[in-house]
C-alpha atoms as a PDB file:
ATOM      1  CA  MET A   1      85.976 129.750  55.430  1.00  0.00           C
ATOM      2  CA  ILE A   2      88.070 129.255  52.283  1.00  0.00           C
ATOM      3  CA  GLN A   3      91.257 129.042  54.404  1.00  0.00           C
ATOM      4  CA  LYS A   4      89.657 126.396  56.567  1.00  0.00           C
ATOM      5  CA  HIS A   5      88.810 124.267  53.536  1.00  0.00           C
ATOM      6  CA  GLU A   6      92.350 124.718  52.207  1.00  0.00           C
ATOM      7  CA  GLY A   7      93.843 123.568  55.528  1.00  0.00           C
ATOM      8  CA  THR A   8      91.650 120.497  55.597  1.00  0.00           C
ATOM      9  CA  PHE A   9      92.531 119.660  51.995  1.00  0.00           C
ATOM     10  CA  LEU A  10      96.272 119.959  52.694  1.00  0.00           C
ATOM     11  CA  ASN A  11      95.998 117.723  55.774  1.00  0.00           C
ATOM     12  CA  LYS A  12      94.202 115.057  53.799  1.00  0.00           C
ATOM     13  CA  LEU A  13      96.711 115.377  50.955  1.00  0.00           C
ATOM     14  CA  SER A  14      99.703 114.957  53.320  1.00  0.00           C
ATOM     15  CA  ILE A  15      98.149 111.888  54.915  1.00  0.00           C
ATOM     16  CA  SER A  16      97.471 110.414  51.464  1.00  0.00           C
ATOM     17  CA  VAL A  17     101.064 111.079  50.391  1.00  0.00           C
ATOM     18  CA  TRP A  18     102.453 109.317  53.488  1.00  0.00           C
ATOM     19  CA  ILE A  19     100.170 106.360  52.885  1.00  0.00           C
ATOM     20  CA  VAL A  20     101.350 106.103  49.284  1.00  0.00           C
ATOM     21  CA  ILE A  21     105.023 106.342  50.348  1.00  0.00           C
ATOM     22  CA  SER A  22     104.489 103.625  52.968  1.00  0.00           C
ATOM     23  CA  LEU A  23     102.840 101.336  50.434  1.00  0.00           C
ATOM     24  CA  ILE A  24     105.674 101.898  47.936  1.00  0.00           C
ATOM     25  CA  THR A  25     108.248 101.144  50.667  1.00  0.00           C
ATOM     26  CA  ILE A  26     106.463  97.940  51.626  1.00  0.00           C
ATOM     27  CA  LEU A  27     106.190  96.928  47.953  1.00  0.00           C
ATOM     28  CA  ILE A  28     109.895  97.578  47.306  1.00  0.00           C
ATOM     29  CA  ASP A  29     110.860  95.700  50.463  1.00  0.00           C
ATOM     30  CA  THR A  30     108.729  92.745  49.363  1.00  0.00           C
ATOM     31  CA  LEU A  31     109.910  92.631  45.709  1.00  0.00           C
ATOM     32  CA  HIS A  32     113.573  93.441  46.332  1.00  0.00           C
ATOM     33  CA  ARG A  33     114.191  92.043  49.795  1.00  0.00           C
ATOM     34  CA  ASP A  34     117.455  90.337  48.820  1.00  0.00           C
ATOM     35  CA  SER A  35     118.816  93.520  47.253  1.00  0.00           C
ATOM     36  CA  LEU A  36     117.920  95.547  50.339  1.00  0.00           C
ATOM     37  CA  ILE A  37     119.570  92.992  52.599  1.00  0.00           C
ATOM     38  CA  LYS A  38     122.740  93.212  50.543  1.00  0.00           C
ATOM     39  CA  ILE A  39     122.647  97.012  50.672  1.00  0.00           C
ATOM     40  CA  ARG A  40     122.151  96.968  54.441  1.00  0.00           C
ATOM     41  CA  SER A  41     125.004  94.478  54.847  1.00  0.00           C
ATOM     42  CA  PHE A  42     127.251  96.655  52.693  1.00  0.00           C
ATOM     43  CA  VAL A  43     126.375  99.758  54.710  1.00  0.00           C
ATOM     44  CA  LEU A  44     126.975  97.834  57.967  1.00  0.00           C
ATOM     45  CA  ASP A  45     130.378  96.572  56.782  1.00  0.00           C
ATOM     46  CA  LEU A  46     131.296 100.041  55.671  1.00  0.00           C
ATOM     47  CA  SER A  47     130.199 101.710  58.898  1.00  0.00           C
ATOM     48  CA  SER A  48     131.718  99.189  61.331  1.00  0.00           C
ATOM     49  CA  PRO A  49     135.339 100.419  60.982  1.00  0.00           C
ATOM     50  CA  VAL A  50     134.131 104.004  61.241  1.00  0.00           C
ATOM     51  CA  VAL A  51     132.234 103.188  64.436  1.00  0.00           C
ATOM     52  CA  LYS A  52     135.290 101.417  65.881  1.00  0.00           C
ATOM     53  CA  VAL A  53     137.527 104.389  65.088  1.00  0.00           C
ATOM     54  CA  ALA A  54     134.998 106.815  66.552  1.00  0.00           C
ATOM     55  CA  GLU A  55     134.689 104.624  69.642  1.00  0.00           C
ATOM     56  CA  VAL A  56     138.402 104.828  70.508  1.00  0.00           C
ATOM     57  CA  PRO A  57     138.311 108.374  71.980  1.00  0.00           C
ATOM     58  CA  VAL A  58     135.252 107.444  74.044  1.00  0.00           C
ATOM     59  CA  LEU A  59     136.975 104.325  75.427  1.00  0.00           C
ATOM     60  CA  TRP A  60     140.131 106.286  76.209  1.00  0.00           C
ATOM     61  CA  PHE A  61     138.064 108.982  77.925  1.00  0.00           C
ATOM     62  CA  ASN A  62     136.264 106.384  80.080  1.00  0.00           C
ATOM     63  CA  PHE A  63     139.590 104.710  80.917  1.00  0.00           C
ATOM     64  CA  LEU A  64     141.129 108.073  81.847  1.00  0.00           C
ATOM     65  CA  ASN A  65     138.118 109.008  83.953  1.00  0.00           C
ATOM     66  CA  ASP A  66     138.196 105.655  85.790  1.00  0.00           C
ATOM     67  CA  SER A  67     141.953 106.020  86.337  1.00  0.00           C
ATOM     68  CA  ILE A  68     141.531 109.514  87.793  1.00  0.00           C
ATOM     69  CA  THR A  69     138.740 108.298  90.097  1.00  0.00           C
ATOM     70  CA  GLU A  70     140.832 105.329  91.226  1.00  0.00           C
ATOM     71  CA  PHE A  71     143.834 107.598  91.821  1.00  0.00           C
ATOM     72  CA  ARG A  72     141.716 109.925  93.958  1.00  0.00           C
ATOM     73  CA  ASP A  73     140.489 106.949  96.001  1.00  0.00           C
ATOM     74  CA  ILE A  74     144.089 105.792  96.476  1.00  0.00           C
ATOM     75  CA  VAL A  75     145.121 109.279  97.634  1.00  0.00           C
ATOM     76  CA  ASP A  76     142.188 109.448 100.081  1.00  0.00           C
ATOM     77  CA  ASN A  77     142.944 105.965 101.463  1.00  0.00           C
ATOM     78  CA  ASN A  78     146.616 106.891 101.767  1.00  0.00           C
ATOM     79  CA  GLU A  79     145.735 109.953 103.838  1.00  0.00           C
ATOM     80  CA  LYS A  80     143.482 107.833 106.068  1.00  0.00           C
ATOM     81  CA  LEU A  81     146.256 105.275 106.540  1.00  0.00           C
ATOM     82  CA  LYS A  82     148.706 108.037 107.470  1.00  0.00           C
ATOM     83  CA  THR A  83     146.253 109.285 110.096  1.00  0.00           C
ATOM     84  CA  GLU A  84     145.758 105.762 111.463  1.00  0.00           C
ATOM     85  CA  ILE A  85     149.536 105.201 111.583  1.00  0.00           C
ATOM     86  CA  LEU A  86     149.963 108.397 113.614  1.00  0.00           C
ATOM     87  CA  GLU A  87     147.221 107.287 116.009  1.00  0.00           C
ATOM     88  CA  LEU A  88     148.793 103.828 116.359  1.00  0.00           C
ATOM     89  CA  GLN A  89     152.178 105.427 116.990  1.00  0.00           C
ATOM     90  CA  HIS A  90     150.572 107.501 119.741  1.00  0.00           C
ATOM     91  CA  TYR A  91     149.053 104.375 121.311  1.00  0.00           C
ATOM     92  CA  LYS A  92     152.390 102.585 120.968  1.00  0.00           C
ATOM     93  CA  ASN A  93     154.185 105.372 122.804  1.00  0.00           C
ATOM     94  CA  SER A  94     151.504 105.396 125.501  1.00  0.00           C
ATOM     95  CA  TYR A  95     151.870 101.621 125.832  1.00  0.00           C
ATOM     96  CA  TYR A  96     155.609 101.865 126.485  1.00  0.00           C
ATOM     97  CA  VAL A  97     155.076 104.659 129.035  1.00  0.00           C
ATOM     98  CA  LEU A  98     152.416 102.656 130.882  1.00  0.00           C
ATOM     99  CA  LYS A  99     154.563  99.526 130.719  1.00  0.00           C
ATOM    100  CA  GLN A 100     157.454 101.382 132.314  1.00  0.00           C
ATOM    101  CA  GLU A 101     155.183 102.870 134.976  1.00  0.00           C
ATOM    102  CA  ASN A 102     153.724  99.446 135.697  1.00  0.00           C
ATOM    103  CA  SER A 103     157.208  97.983 136.097  1.00  0.00           C
ATOM    104  CA  THR A 104     158.155 100.819 138.472  1.00  0.00           C
ATOM    105  CA  PHE A 105     155.022 100.356 140.590  1.00  0.00           C
ATOM    106  CA  ARG A 106     155.636  96.605 140.758  1.00  0.00           C
ATOM    107  CA  SER A 107     159.121  97.243 142.044  1.00  0.00           C
ATOM    108  CA  LEU A 108     157.890  99.725 144.669  1.00  0.00           C
ATOM    109  CA  LEU A 109     155.168  97.341 145.838  1.00  0.00           C
ATOM    110  CA  LYS A 110     157.528  94.347 145.594  1.00  0.00           C
ATOM    111  CA  TYR A 111     154.887  92.630 143.437  1.00  0.00           C
ATOM    112  CA  ASN A 112     156.645  89.815 141.606  1.00  0.00           C
ATOM    113  CA  ARG A 113     153.761  87.845 140.102  1.00  0.00           C
ATOM    114  CA  SER A 114     152.631  87.892 136.494  1.00  0.00           C
ATOM    115  CA  LEU A 115     149.706  86.319 134.680  1.00  0.00           C
ATOM    116  CA  GLU A 116     150.325  83.513 132.234  1.00  0.00           C
ATOM    117  CA  LYS A 117     147.615  82.567 129.757  1.00  0.00           C
ATOM    118  CA  SER A 118     147.280  79.538 127.546  1.00  0.00           C
ATOM    119  CA  PHE A 119     144.484  78.260 125.344  1.00  0.00           C
ATOM    120  CA  ILE A 120     142.989  74.903 124.404  1.00  0.00           C
ATOM    121  CA  THR A 121     141.342  74.981 120.995  1.00  0.00           C
ATOM    122  CA  SER A 122     138.166  72.917 120.834  1.00  0.00           C
ATOM    123  CA  ARG A 123     135.541  72.097 118.238  1.00  0.00           C
ATOM    124  CA  ILE A 124     131.921  72.938 119.029  1.00  0.00           C
ATOM    125  CA  ILE A 125     130.016  69.702 118.477  1.00  0.00           C
ATOM    126  CA  GLY A 126     126.556  70.661 119.603  1.00  0.00           C
ATOM    127  CA  ASN A 127     124.122  73.194 120.988  1.00  0.00           C
ATOM    128  CA  THR A 128     122.517  71.635 124.047  1.00  0.00           C
ATOM    129  CA  GLY A 129     120.452  74.683 124.992  1.00  0.00           C
ATOM    130  CA  GLY A 130     116.763  75.465 124.710  1.00  0.00           C
ATOM    131  CA  ILE A 131     114.625  78.599 124.530  1.00  0.00           C
ATOM    132  CA  TYR A 132     115.968  80.016 127.799  1.00  0.00           C
ATOM    133  CA  HIS A 133     119.068  77.884 128.396  1.00  0.00           C
ATOM    134  CA  ARG A 134     122.041  78.739 126.201  1.00  0.00           C
ATOM    135  CA  THR A 135     124.844  76.151 126.255  1.00  0.00           C
ATOM    136  CA  LEU A 136     127.361  74.592 123.873  1.00  0.00           C
ATOM    137  CA  LEU A 137     129.039  71.182 123.856  1.00  0.00           C
ATOM    138  CA  LEU A 138     132.807  70.961 123.219  1.00  0.00           C
ATOM    139  CA  ASP A 139     134.943  67.985 122.197  1.00  0.00           C
ATOM    140  CA  LYS A 140     137.584  68.594 124.899  1.00  0.00           C
ATOM    141  CA  GLY A 141     137.427  67.301 128.461  1.00  0.00           C
ATOM    142  CA  ILE A 142     139.393  66.319 131.555  1.00  0.00           C
ATOM    143  CA  LYS A 143     142.007  64.377 129.573  1.00  0.00           C
ATOM    144  CA  ASP A 144     142.788  67.582 127.640  1.00  0.00           C
ATOM    145  CA  GLY A 145     143.227  69.660 130.794  1.00  0.00           C
ATOM    146  CA  VAL A 146     139.792  71.297 130.848  1.00  0.00           C
ATOM    147  CA  LYS A 147     138.395  72.205 134.259  1.00  0.00           C
ATOM    148  CA  LYS A 148     135.114  73.548 135.556  1.00  0.00           C
ATOM    149  CA  ASN A 149     134.835  77.378 135.488  1.00  0.00           C
ATOM    150  CA  ASP A 150     137.453  77.726 132.732  1.00  0.00           C
ATOM    151  CA  GLY A 151     136.583  80.644 130.465  1.00  0.00           C
ATOM    152  CA  VAL A 152     135.689  79.989 126.825  1.00  0.00           C
ATOM    153  CA  MET A 153     136.344  82.471 124.017  1.00  0.00           C
ATOM    154  CA  GLY A 154     134.960  82.761 120.506  1.00  0.00           C
ATOM    155  CA  ILE A 155     136.140  85.009 117.710  1.00  0.00           C
ATOM    156  CA  GLY A 156     136.501  88.476 119.194  1.00  0.00           C
ATOM    157  CA  GLY A 157     135.614  87.910 122.811  1.00  0.00           C
ATOM    158  CA  LEU A 158     134.341  85.802 125.691  1.00  0.00           C
ATOM    159  CA  LEU A 159     131.584  83.224 125.023  1.00  0.00           C
ATOM    160  CA  GLY A 160     131.021  81.828 128.505  1.00  0.00           C
ATOM    161  CA  LYS A 161     132.499  79.389 131.002  1.00  0.00           C
ATOM    162  CA  ILE A 162     132.756  75.634 131.512  1.00  0.00           C
ATOM    163  CA  VAL A 163     130.007  74.355 133.844  1.00  0.00           C
ATOM    164  CA  ASP A 164     130.231  70.588 133.259  1.00  0.00           C
ATOM    165  CA  VAL A 165     133.205  68.507 132.221  1.00  0.00           C
ATOM    166  CA  SER A 166     133.646  64.784 131.486  1.00  0.00           C
ATOM    167  CA  GLU A 167     136.633  62.784 130.329  1.00  0.00           C
ATOM    168  CA  ASN A 168     136.216  63.733 126.654  1.00  0.00           C
ATOM    169  CA  ASN A 169     133.682  66.552 126.548  1.00  0.00           C
ATOM    170  CA  SER A 170     132.639  69.718 128.330  1.00  0.00           C
ATOM    171  CA  ARG A 171     129.601  71.993 128.392  1.00  0.00           C
ATOM    172  CA  VAL A 172     129.754  75.792 128.121  1.00  0.00           C
ATOM    173  CA  LEU A 173     127.260  78.097 129.800  1.00  0.00           C
ATOM    174  CA  LEU A 174     126.970  81.055 127.426  1.00  0.00           C
ATOM    175  CA  LEU A 175     126.942  84.677 128.589  1.00  0.00           C
ATOM    176  CA  THR A 176     123.417  85.009 127.204  1.00  0.00           C
ATOM    177  CA  ASP A 177     122.025  82.261 129.465  1.00  0.00           C
ATOM    178  CA  MET A 178     119.727  83.364 132.300  1.00  0.00           C
ATOM    179  CA  ASN A 179     121.993  81.624 134.817  1.00  0.00           C
ATOM    180  CA  SER A 180     125.111  83.477 133.665  1.00  0.00           C
ATOM    181  CA  ALA A 181     126.497  86.205 135.938  1.00  0.00           C
ATOM    182  CA  LEU A 182     129.907  87.669 135.067  1.00  0.00           C
ATOM    183  CA  PRO A 183     131.875  90.345 136.990  1.00  0.00           C
ATOM    184  CA  VAL A 184     132.913  92.980 134.440  1.00  0.00           C
ATOM    185  CA  PHE A 185     134.625  96.352 134.197  1.00  0.00           C
ATOM    186  CA  ILE A 186     133.333  99.197 131.978  1.00  0.00           C
ATOM    187  CA  ILE A 187     136.215 101.033 130.321  1.00  0.00           C
ATOM    188  CA  GLY A 188     135.704 104.794 130.266  1.00  0.00           C
ATOM    189  CA  SER A 189     133.353 104.956 133.220  1.00  0.00           C
ATOM    190  CA  ASP A 190     135.671 102.960 135.533  1.00  0.00           C
ATOM    191  CA  GLU A 191     132.601 101.192 136.889  1.00  0.00           C
ATOM    192  CA  ARG A 192     132.341  97.581 137.962  1.00  0.00           C
ATOM    193  CA  SER A 193     129.187  95.629 137.291  1.00  0.00           C
ATOM    194  CA  ILE A 194     127.630  92.191 137.054  1.00  0.00           C
ATOM    195  CA  MET A 195     126.636  91.220 133.517  1.00  0.00           C
ATOM    196  CA  GLN A 196     123.513  89.049 133.674  1.00  0.00           C
ATOM    197  CA  GLY A 197     122.175  86.968 130.793  1.00  0.00           C
ATOM    198  CA  ASP A 198     118.441  87.054 130.084  1.00  0.00           C
ATOM    199  CA  GLY A 199     118.042  84.537 127.252  1.00  0.00           C
ATOM    200  CA  GLY A 200     118.368  87.222 124.582  1.00  0.00           C
ATOM    201  CA  GLU A 201     121.383  88.258 122.533  1.00  0.00           C
ATOM    202  CA  ASN A 202     122.206  91.323 124.667  1.00  0.00           C
ATOM    203  CA  PRO A 203     123.009  90.699 128.355  1.00  0.00           C
ATOM    204  CA  THR A 204     122.266  93.318 131.011  1.00  0.00           C
ATOM    205  CA  LEU A 205     124.716  95.242 133.210  1.00  0.00           C
ATOM    206  CA  LYS A 206     123.396  95.407 136.776  1.00  0.00           C
ATOM    207  CA  PHE A 207     124.463  96.855 140.134  1.00  0.00           C
ATOM    208  CA  ILE A 208     126.249  99.870 138.608  1.00  0.00           C
ATOM    209  CA  GLU A 209     127.096 102.409 141.294  1.00  0.00           C
ATOM    210  CA  ASN A 210     127.236 105.507 139.073  1.00  0.00           C
ATOM    211  CA  ILE A 211     125.056 104.767 136.050  1.00  0.00           C
ATOM    212  CA  GLU A 212     125.373 108.370 134.803  1.00  0.00           C
ATOM    213  CA  THR A 213     129.033 107.706 133.930  1.00  0.00           C
ATOM    214  CA  VAL A 214     128.151 104.801 131.639  1.00  0.00           C
ATOM    215  CA  LYS A 215     127.849 105.801 127.976  1.00  0.00           C
ATOM    216  CA  VAL A 216     126.903 104.021 124.771  1.00  0.00           C
ATOM    217  CA  GLY A 217     130.001 102.737 122.989  1.00  0.00           C
ATOM    218  CA  GLN A 218     132.107 102.026 126.076  1.00  0.00           C
ATOM    219  CA  LYS A 219     133.889  98.669 126.062  1.00  0.00           C
ATOM    220  CA  VAL A 220     133.197  95.956 128.616  1.00  0.00           C
ATOM    221  CA  ILE A 221     135.912  93.538 129.810  1.00  0.00           C
ATOM    222  CA  THR A 222     136.234  90.941 132.552  1.00  0.00           C
ATOM    223  CA  SER A 223     137.146  92.489 135.885  1.00  0.00           C
ATOM    224  CA  GLY A 224     138.845  89.433 137.364  1.00  0.00           C
ATOM    225  CA  ASP A 225     136.714  89.677 140.539  1.00  0.00           C
ATOM    226  CA  GLY A 226     136.153  86.278 142.111  1.00  0.00           C
ATOM    227  CA  GLY A 227     139.328  84.856 140.629  1.00  0.00           C
ATOM    228  CA  MET A 228     137.589  82.547 138.132  1.00  0.00           C
ATOM    229  CA  LEU A 229     138.728  84.517 135.094  1.00  0.00           C
ATOM    230  CA  PRO A 230     141.641  86.920 134.551  1.00  0.00           C
ATOM    231  CA  ASN A 231     140.880  90.579 134.074  1.00  0.00           C
ATOM    232  CA  GLY A 232     141.015  92.191 130.649  1.00  0.00           C
ATOM    233  CA  ILE A 233     139.252  89.593 128.478  1.00  0.00           C
ATOM    234  CA  PRO A 234     137.088  91.493 125.940  1.00  0.00           C
ATOM    235  CA  VAL A 235     133.360  90.933 126.411  1.00  0.00           C
ATOM    236  CA  GLY A 236     131.338  93.508 124.481  1.00  0.00           C
ATOM    237  CA  ARG A 237     130.243  97.103 124.063  1.00  0.00           C
ATOM    238  CA  VAL A 238     127.500  99.158 125.749  1.00  0.00           C
ATOM    239  CA  ILE A 239     124.634  99.721 123.302  1.00  0.00           C
ATOM    240  CA  ALA A 240     121.949 101.190 125.582  1.00  0.00           C
ATOM    241  CA  VAL A 241     121.666 102.826 129.005  1.00  0.00           C
ATOM    242  CA  ASP A 242     118.310 102.883 130.758  1.00  0.00           C
ATOM    243  CA  GLY A 243     117.872 104.290 134.250  1.00  0.00           C
ATOM    244  CA  TYR A 244     119.864 101.999 136.522  1.00  0.00           C
ATOM    245  CA  ARG A 245     121.109  99.394 134.031  1.00  0.00           C
ATOM    246  CA  ALA A 246     122.675  99.034 130.585  1.00  0.00           C
ATOM    247  CA  LYS A 247     122.654  96.602 127.670  1.00  0.00           C
ATOM    248  CA  VAL A 248     125.720  95.000 126.093  1.00  0.00           C
ATOM    249  CA  LYS A 249     126.326  93.784 122.559  1.00  0.00           C
ATOM    250  CA  LEU A 250     128.811  90.923 122.770  1.00  0.00           C
ATOM    251  CA  PHE A 251     131.962  91.000 120.657  1.00  0.00           C
ATOM    252  CA  THR A 252     131.500  87.368 119.646  1.00  0.00           C
ATOM    253  CA  LYS A 253     128.363  85.779 118.268  1.00  0.00           C
ATOM    254  CA  THR A 254     126.854  82.970 120.299  1.00  0.00           C
ATOM    255  CA  LYS A 255     125.548  81.246 117.167  1.00  0.00           C
ATOM    256  CA  ASN A 256     127.214  79.630 114.157  1.00  0.00           C
ATOM    257  CA  ASN A 257     130.583  79.156 115.890  1.00  0.00           C
ATOM    258  CA  LEU A 258     132.639  76.168 114.756  1.00  0.00           C
ATOM    259  CA  PHE A 259     135.539  76.441 117.201  1.00  0.00           C
ATOM    260  CA  ALA A 260     136.164  77.859 120.656  1.00  0.00           C
ATOM    261  CA  ARG A 261     139.237  78.503 122.829  1.00  0.00           C
ATOM    262  CA  ILE A 262     139.285  77.431 126.467  1.00  0.00           C
ATOM    263  CA  VAL A 263     141.245  79.944 128.568  1.00  0.00           C
ATOM    264  CA  LYS A 264     143.799  78.560 131.042  1.00  0.00           C
ATOM    265  CA  PHE A 265     145.564  81.048 133.310  1.00  0.00           C
ATOM    266  CA  ARG A 266     147.750  81.088 136.372  1.00  0.00           C
ATOM    267  CA  TYR A 267     149.843  83.566 138.332  1.00  0.00           C
ATOM    268  CA  VAL A 268     153.566  82.841 138.476  1.00  0.00           C
ATOM    269  CA  LYS A 269     156.428  84.487 140.360  1.00  0.00           C
ATOM    270  CA  ASN A 270     158.920  86.446 138.291  1.00  0.00           C
END
């Protein structure tokens, strides 16, 4: 019992002492505020150079750490670039082999025609489509050499084809339009198909003979069937395969385009 009273007394005494110290501190701060400000300023001026000196090793350590990290990133990127260069060299060698083989086959078949392409750059001046109809209006027409069924490319791939043409303007039917039907070739599966627009952003591949050979990620290009467009124009990439059909994500966006290129091609004798 006596120990309990002693503990309580000491607790009360400590609290009283802290209260007294706090009151004295407040009183000193009130009566000698200017002196305390001067002392604090003096201490701050005195400690600033010390802090700056002590900060130098920290700054150098951070700089060294950042430099090491940046160097590692450079080394990693350099290794990736070396790998990409080797892959490109492989493709380059394959290209020359295929080019030579193609030349040999042409000679054997006595095929002396080659495809010449040219482009007419046009500004997109309007979107004349609706909810289901997807068309664009161009500022080039008959006087510029534009003809009906000419292909139209955006950045990265095919946009559509010319369906109406006047003296100064032309209208493009986009690949996403429900009335669009484009003969295409699926690289990797060696399948031919008809890409049909449905009003959405991802047209559908129909009439595929062996759908099991079509895989997500395979590239889609124009097949040249029908003779309206040359073969090999990039169109898009397969993003989904469902039963007897597949979906394509186009390489070029059908919205927010400012310019387009009208494709002109013809076969000439060598």
